[in-house]
Structure formats: structure tokens, C-alpha cells
């Protein structure tokens, strides 16, 4: 990534480019991700070959905890997701409530 804004002085950094890289999720095949605000958990199951229906772009194939399969471009991860783990994904898939959540009586 080139964080400089075109000026020859190496001490000048383009903060917009820096923030974008810092906040971009690094998606890896086999890893788990969660959007806690939406309550959605994802598992990245693979990468497609360049698809002729998507302008020869490669996409990540992911499944959510409901079993739905979706794809998104490898250079455009979904916003709001953070790294999760298999236990959280499995608990969401099986409908196990979080023990810290208040229980309705």
C-alpha cells in the first residue's frame, strides 16, 4: 500500500489510505467472522476461480450460521465484521444462547 499522497517527502502519510487499510478485514479461507450488531456469523469455505458472470473476478465463498452460501469479491470484504472462532459460529448455528444475555422468564 502506498500511504504517501504524492509528495516526495516520506514523512507525509495519507491518513485516509492508512485508515482504510487498518479497518479492512483480512479474510482467510477456513476462518470465522462475526457481525455482532447484526448477529450474523460467517465461515469462509473457499475461493472461486475467476467467474465469467462476475467480470472474471475471484470471490470468497462463505456460509452463514443459517447455512446460506454467498460470495463477495476478494478485494471488498463485508463491512462491520470482525474475526470470530468456530465455537461462536457453532453456538450461533445450534441456537445456543449467550450466558451473558438476559434471559426472559
N, C-alpha and C. Protein backbone atom coordinates (compact mmCIF):
# COMPACT_ATOMS: atom_id res chain seq x y z
N UNK A 1 0.84 -1.18 0.00
CA UNK A 1 0.00 0.00 0.00
C UNK A 1 0.88 1.23 0.00
N UNK A 2 0.50 2.19 -0.78
CA UNK A 2 1.22 3.46 -0.83
C UNK A 2 0.45 4.46 0.01
N UNK A 3 0.97 4.77 1.19
CA UNK A 3 0.29 5.69 2.10
C UNK A 3 0.68 7.14 1.86
N UNK A 4 1.64 7.38 0.97
CA UNK A 4 2.04 8.76 0.71
C UNK A 4 1.04 9.39 -0.25
N UNK A 5 0.94 10.69 -0.19
CA UNK A 5 -0.04 11.39 -1.03
C UNK A 5 0.57 12.02 -2.26
N UNK A 6 1.68 11.51 -2.73
CA UNK A 6 2.28 12.00 -3.96
C UNK A 6 3.39 13.00 -3.74
N UNK A 7 3.60 13.46 -2.54
CA UNK A 7 4.67 14.40 -2.26
C UNK A 7 5.93 13.61 -1.98
N UNK A 8 7.09 14.14 -2.42
CA UNK A 8 8.35 13.41 -2.29
C UNK A 8 8.81 13.22 -0.86
N UNK A 9 8.33 14.01 0.07
CA UNK A 9 8.75 13.89 1.46
C UNK A 9 8.14 12.61 2.05
N UNK A 10 8.97 11.70 2.54
CA UNK A 10 8.50 10.41 3.04
C UNK A 10 7.79 10.50 4.40
N UNK A 11 7.81 11.67 5.02
CA UNK A 11 7.18 11.81 6.33
C UNK A 11 5.70 12.14 6.24
N UNK A 12 5.19 12.36 5.04
CA UNK A 12 3.78 12.70 4.88
C UNK A 12 3.00 11.43 4.56
N UNK A 13 1.94 11.19 5.32
CA UNK A 13 1.14 9.98 5.19
C UNK A 13 -0.28 10.37 4.82
N UNK A 14 -0.87 9.63 3.89
CA UNK A 14 -2.27 9.81 3.53
C UNK A 14 -3.12 9.08 4.57
N UNK A 15 -3.74 9.83 5.46
CA UNK A 15 -4.49 9.22 6.57
C UNK A 15 -5.70 8.43 6.09
N UNK A 16 -6.35 8.85 5.02
CA UNK A 16 -7.50 8.09 4.52
C UNK A 16 -7.08 6.69 4.08
N UNK A 17 -5.96 6.58 3.36
CA UNK A 17 -5.47 5.27 2.93
C UNK A 17 -5.04 4.43 4.12
N UNK A 18 -4.42 5.07 5.12
CA UNK A 18 -3.99 4.35 6.32
C UNK A 18 -5.19 3.80 7.08
N UNK A 19 -6.23 4.63 7.27
CA UNK A 19 -7.43 4.18 7.99
C UNK A 19 -8.14 3.05 7.26
N UNK A 20 -8.21 3.17 5.93
CA UNK A 20 -8.88 2.13 5.15
C UNK A 20 -8.16 0.80 5.30
N UNK A 21 -6.83 0.81 5.22
CA UNK A 21 -6.08 -0.44 5.37
C UNK A 21 -6.20 -0.98 6.79
N UNK A 22 -6.17 -0.11 7.78
CA UNK A 22 -6.24 -0.54 9.17
C UNK A 22 -7.58 -1.19 9.48
N UNK A 23 -8.66 -0.65 8.91
CA UNK A 23 -10.01 -1.14 9.21
C UNK A 23 -10.50 -2.21 8.24
N UNK A 24 -9.69 -2.60 7.26
CA UNK A 24 -10.09 -3.62 6.31
C UNK A 24 -9.85 -4.99 6.91
N UNK A 25 -10.87 -5.83 6.85
CA UNK A 25 -10.78 -7.18 7.38
C UNK A 25 -9.96 -8.05 6.45
N UNK A 26 -9.00 -8.77 6.97
CA UNK A 26 -8.18 -9.70 6.19
C UNK A 26 -8.86 -11.06 6.25
N UNK A 27 -9.61 -11.41 5.20
CA UNK A 27 -10.37 -12.65 5.16
C UNK A 27 -9.46 -13.79 4.71
N UNK A 28 -9.53 -14.91 5.41
CA UNK A 28 -8.75 -16.09 5.08
C UNK A 28 -9.67 -17.30 4.99
N UNK A 29 -9.37 -18.21 4.07
CA UNK A 29 -10.17 -19.42 3.92
C UNK A 29 -10.04 -20.26 5.19
N UNK A 30 -11.16 -20.72 5.71
CA UNK A 30 -11.18 -21.54 6.91
C UNK A 30 -11.41 -20.76 8.19
N UNK A 31 -11.36 -19.44 8.13
CA UNK A 31 -11.56 -18.63 9.33
C UNK A 31 -13.03 -18.26 9.50
N UNK A 32 -13.34 -17.77 10.68
CA UNK A 32 -14.71 -17.41 11.07
C UNK A 32 -14.78 -15.92 11.37
N UNK A 33 -15.92 -15.32 11.04
CA UNK A 33 -16.11 -13.88 11.21
C UNK A 33 -17.50 -13.62 11.75
N UNK A 34 -17.67 -12.51 12.47
CA UNK A 34 -18.97 -12.19 13.08
C UNK A 34 -19.25 -10.71 12.94
N UNK A 35 -20.52 -10.39 12.70
CA UNK A 35 -21.01 -9.02 12.78
C UNK A 35 -21.93 -9.01 13.99
N UNK A 36 -21.42 -8.52 15.11
CA UNK A 36 -22.15 -8.62 16.37
C UNK A 36 -23.39 -7.74 16.39
N UNK A 37 -23.38 -6.61 15.66
CA UNK A 37 -24.56 -5.76 15.62
C UNK A 37 -25.71 -6.45 14.91
N UNK A 38 -25.42 -7.18 13.83
CA UNK A 38 -26.46 -7.88 13.08
C UNK A 38 -26.70 -9.29 13.62
N UNK A 39 -25.79 -9.82 14.42
CA UNK A 39 -25.93 -11.17 14.92
C UNK A 39 -25.69 -12.23 13.85
N UNK A 40 -24.81 -11.94 12.90
CA UNK A 40 -24.53 -12.86 11.79
C UNK A 40 -23.10 -13.37 11.92
N UNK A 41 -22.94 -14.67 11.74
CA UNK A 41 -21.64 -15.32 11.80
C UNK A 41 -21.34 -15.93 10.44
N UNK A 42 -20.10 -15.79 9.97
CA UNK A 42 -19.69 -16.31 8.67
C UNK A 42 -18.51 -17.26 8.82
N UNK A 43 -18.46 -18.25 7.92
CA UNK A 43 -17.33 -19.15 7.81
C UNK A 43 -16.89 -19.13 6.36
N UNK A 44 -15.64 -18.75 6.11
CA UNK A 44 -15.11 -18.69 4.74
C UNK A 44 -14.71 -20.10 4.33
N UNK A 45 -15.38 -20.63 3.30
CA UNK A 45 -15.15 -22.02 2.91
C UNK A 45 -14.28 -22.18 1.68
N UNK A 46 -14.01 -21.08 0.93
CA UNK A 46 -13.16 -21.22 -0.24
C UNK A 46 -13.11 -19.98 -1.09
N UNK A 47 -12.37 -20.08 -2.19
CA UNK A 47 -12.24 -19.00 -3.16
C UNK A 47 -12.63 -19.57 -4.52
N UNK A 48 -13.39 -18.82 -5.29
CA UNK A 48 -13.80 -19.27 -6.61
C UNK A 48 -12.69 -19.07 -7.63
N UNK A 49 -12.80 -19.78 -8.73
CA UNK A 49 -12.00 -19.44 -9.91
C UNK A 49 -12.57 -18.15 -10.48
N UNK A 50 -11.84 -17.46 -11.33
CA UNK A 50 -12.42 -16.26 -11.95
C UNK A 50 -13.74 -16.62 -12.64
N UNK A 51 -14.80 -15.92 -12.27
CA UNK A 51 -16.14 -16.26 -12.76
C UNK A 51 -16.49 -15.42 -13.99
N UNK A 52 -16.97 -16.07 -15.03
CA UNK A 52 -17.33 -15.34 -16.25
C UNK A 52 -18.57 -14.47 -16.06
N UNK A 53 -19.39 -14.78 -15.07
CA UNK A 53 -20.58 -13.97 -14.82
C UNK A 53 -20.27 -12.76 -13.94
N UNK A 54 -19.09 -12.70 -13.37
CA UNK A 54 -18.71 -11.60 -12.46
C UNK A 54 -17.47 -10.88 -12.96
N UNK A 55 -17.35 -10.67 -14.28
CA UNK A 55 -16.23 -9.94 -14.88
C UNK A 55 -14.88 -10.56 -14.55
N UNK A 56 -14.81 -11.88 -14.51
CA UNK A 56 -13.57 -12.63 -14.26
C UNK A 56 -12.95 -12.30 -12.90
N UNK A 57 -13.78 -11.94 -11.93
CA UNK A 57 -13.29 -11.66 -10.58
C UNK A 57 -13.32 -12.93 -9.75
N UNK A 58 -12.41 -13.00 -8.79
CA UNK A 58 -12.44 -14.09 -7.82
C UNK A 58 -13.26 -13.63 -6.62
N UNK A 59 -13.99 -14.56 -6.03
CA UNK A 59 -14.83 -14.26 -4.87
C UNK A 59 -14.54 -15.25 -3.75
N UNK A 60 -14.70 -14.78 -2.51
CA UNK A 60 -14.71 -15.68 -1.36
C UNK A 60 -16.08 -16.33 -1.29
N UNK A 61 -16.13 -17.62 -1.00
CA UNK A 61 -17.39 -18.30 -0.73
C UNK A 61 -17.52 -18.43 0.77
N UNK A 62 -18.62 -17.95 1.32
CA UNK A 62 -18.83 -18.02 2.76
C UNK A 62 -20.21 -18.60 3.03
N UNK A 63 -20.33 -19.23 4.19
CA UNK A 63 -21.63 -19.68 4.66
C UNK A 63 -21.92 -18.96 5.96
N UNK A 64 -23.20 -18.62 6.16
CA UNK A 64 -23.56 -18.02 7.44
C UNK A 64 -24.05 -19.11 8.38
N UNK A 65 -24.38 -18.74 9.60
CA UNK A 65 -24.76 -19.74 10.59
C UNK A 65 -26.15 -20.33 10.34
N UNK A 66 -26.87 -19.81 9.34
CA UNK A 66 -28.16 -20.38 8.94
C UNK A 66 -27.98 -21.42 7.84
N UNK A 67 -26.77 -21.51 7.26
CA UNK A 67 -26.50 -22.46 6.19
C UNK A 67 -26.57 -21.86 4.80
N UNK A 68 -26.80 -20.56 4.69
CA UNK A 68 -26.84 -19.90 3.38
C UNK A 68 -25.43 -19.71 2.84
N UNK A 69 -25.26 -19.90 1.54
CA UNK A 69 -23.97 -19.67 0.89
C UNK A 69 -24.04 -18.38 0.09
N UNK A 70 -23.02 -17.55 0.23
CA UNK A 70 -22.92 -16.29 -0.51
C UNK A 70 -21.47 -16.09 -0.93
N UNK A 71 -21.26 -15.16 -1.85
CA UNK A 71 -19.90 -14.81 -2.26
C UNK A 71 -19.72 -13.31 -2.19
N UNK A 72 -18.49 -12.87 -2.03
CA UNK A 72 -18.14 -11.46 -2.15
C UNK A 72 -16.73 -11.36 -2.71
N UNK A 73 -16.46 -10.25 -3.40
CA UNK A 73 -15.16 -10.07 -4.03
C UNK A 73 -14.03 -10.14 -3.01
N UNK A 74 -12.89 -10.67 -3.44
CA UNK A 74 -11.78 -10.82 -2.50
C UNK A 74 -11.18 -9.48 -2.09
N UNK A 75 -11.41 -8.43 -2.87
CA UNK A 75 -10.88 -7.12 -2.51
C UNK A 75 -11.93 -6.23 -1.84
N UNK A 76 -13.10 -6.78 -1.52
CA UNK A 76 -14.18 -5.98 -0.93
C UNK A 76 -14.87 -6.77 0.19
N UNK A 77 -14.21 -6.94 1.35
CA UNK A 77 -14.84 -7.71 2.43
C UNK A 77 -16.06 -6.98 2.99
N UNK A 78 -17.00 -7.72 3.57
CA UNK A 78 -18.20 -7.09 4.10
C UNK A 78 -17.86 -6.19 5.29
N UNK A 79 -18.47 -5.01 5.36
CA UNK A 79 -18.16 -4.08 6.46
C UNK A 79 -18.78 -4.54 7.77
N UNK A 80 -18.14 -4.18 8.87
CA UNK A 80 -18.69 -4.46 10.19
C UNK A 80 -18.36 -5.82 10.76
N UNK A 81 -17.66 -6.66 10.02
CA UNK A 81 -17.33 -8.00 10.52
C UNK A 81 -15.96 -7.99 11.21
N UNK A 82 -15.84 -8.81 12.24
CA UNK A 82 -14.60 -8.98 12.98
C UNK A 82 -14.27 -10.46 13.03
N UNK A 83 -13.05 -10.79 13.39
CA UNK A 83 -12.62 -12.18 13.47
C UNK A 83 -13.35 -12.86 14.63
N UNK A 84 -13.81 -14.07 14.39
CA UNK A 84 -14.53 -14.86 15.39
C UNK A 84 -13.84 -16.22 15.50
N UNK A 85 -14.54 -17.21 16.03
CA UNK A 85 -13.96 -18.55 16.12
C UNK A 85 -15.04 -19.61 15.90
N UNK A 86 -14.60 -20.87 15.78
CA UNK A 86 -15.52 -21.96 15.47
C UNK A 86 -16.55 -22.16 16.57
N UNK A 87 -16.18 -21.98 17.83
CA UNK A 87 -17.14 -22.20 18.92
C UNK A 87 -18.30 -21.21 18.87
N UNK A 88 -18.01 -19.95 18.59
CA UNK A 88 -19.07 -18.95 18.47
C UNK A 88 -19.96 -19.24 17.27
N UNK A 89 -19.36 -19.65 16.14
CA UNK A 89 -20.13 -19.98 14.95
C UNK A 89 -21.04 -21.17 15.23
N UNK A 90 -20.51 -22.21 15.87
CA UNK A 90 -21.31 -23.41 16.17
C UNK A 90 -22.43 -23.09 17.15
N UNK A 91 -22.15 -22.26 18.14
CA UNK A 91 -23.19 -21.90 19.11
C UNK A 91 -24.32 -21.13 18.42
N UNK A 92 -23.97 -20.24 17.50
CA UNK A 92 -24.99 -19.49 16.77
C UNK A 92 -25.78 -20.42 15.85
N UNK A 93 -25.10 -21.37 15.21
CA UNK A 93 -25.76 -22.30 14.30
C UNK A 93 -26.72 -23.22 15.04
N UNK A 94 -26.38 -23.61 16.27
CA UNK A 94 -27.24 -24.51 17.04
C UNK A 94 -28.23 -23.75 17.91
N UNK A 95 -28.16 -22.43 17.89
CA UNK A 95 -29.12 -21.64 18.65
C UNK A 95 -28.87 -21.63 20.15
N UNK A 96 -27.63 -21.82 20.57
CA UNK A 96 -27.30 -21.80 21.99
C UNK A 96 -27.20 -20.35 22.44
N UNK A 97 -27.99 -19.93 23.43
CA UNK A 97 -27.93 -18.52 23.86
C UNK A 97 -26.64 -18.21 24.61
N UNK A 98 -26.23 -16.96 24.52
CA UNK A 98 -25.05 -16.49 25.24
C UNK A 98 -25.40 -16.41 26.73
N UNK A 99 -24.59 -17.00 27.62
CA UNK A 99 -24.92 -16.98 29.04
C UNK A 99 -24.94 -15.55 29.64
N UNK A 100 -24.30 -14.59 28.98
CA UNK A 100 -24.30 -13.23 29.49
C UNK A 100 -25.54 -12.45 29.10
N UNK A 101 -26.30 -12.97 28.12
CA UNK A 101 -27.52 -12.28 27.69
C UNK A 101 -28.60 -12.45 28.76
N UNK A 102 -29.42 -11.43 28.97
CA UNK A 102 -30.51 -11.57 29.93
C UNK A 102 -31.54 -12.58 29.44
N UNK A 103 -32.02 -13.40 30.33
CA UNK A 103 -32.99 -14.43 30.00
C UNK A 103 -34.41 -13.96 30.28
N UNK A 104 -35.31 -14.27 29.38
CA UNK A 104 -36.72 -13.90 29.56
C UNK A 104 -37.38 -15.01 30.37
N UNK A 105 -38.14 -14.61 31.40
CA UNK A 105 -38.80 -15.62 32.22
C UNK A 105 -40.27 -15.67 31.94
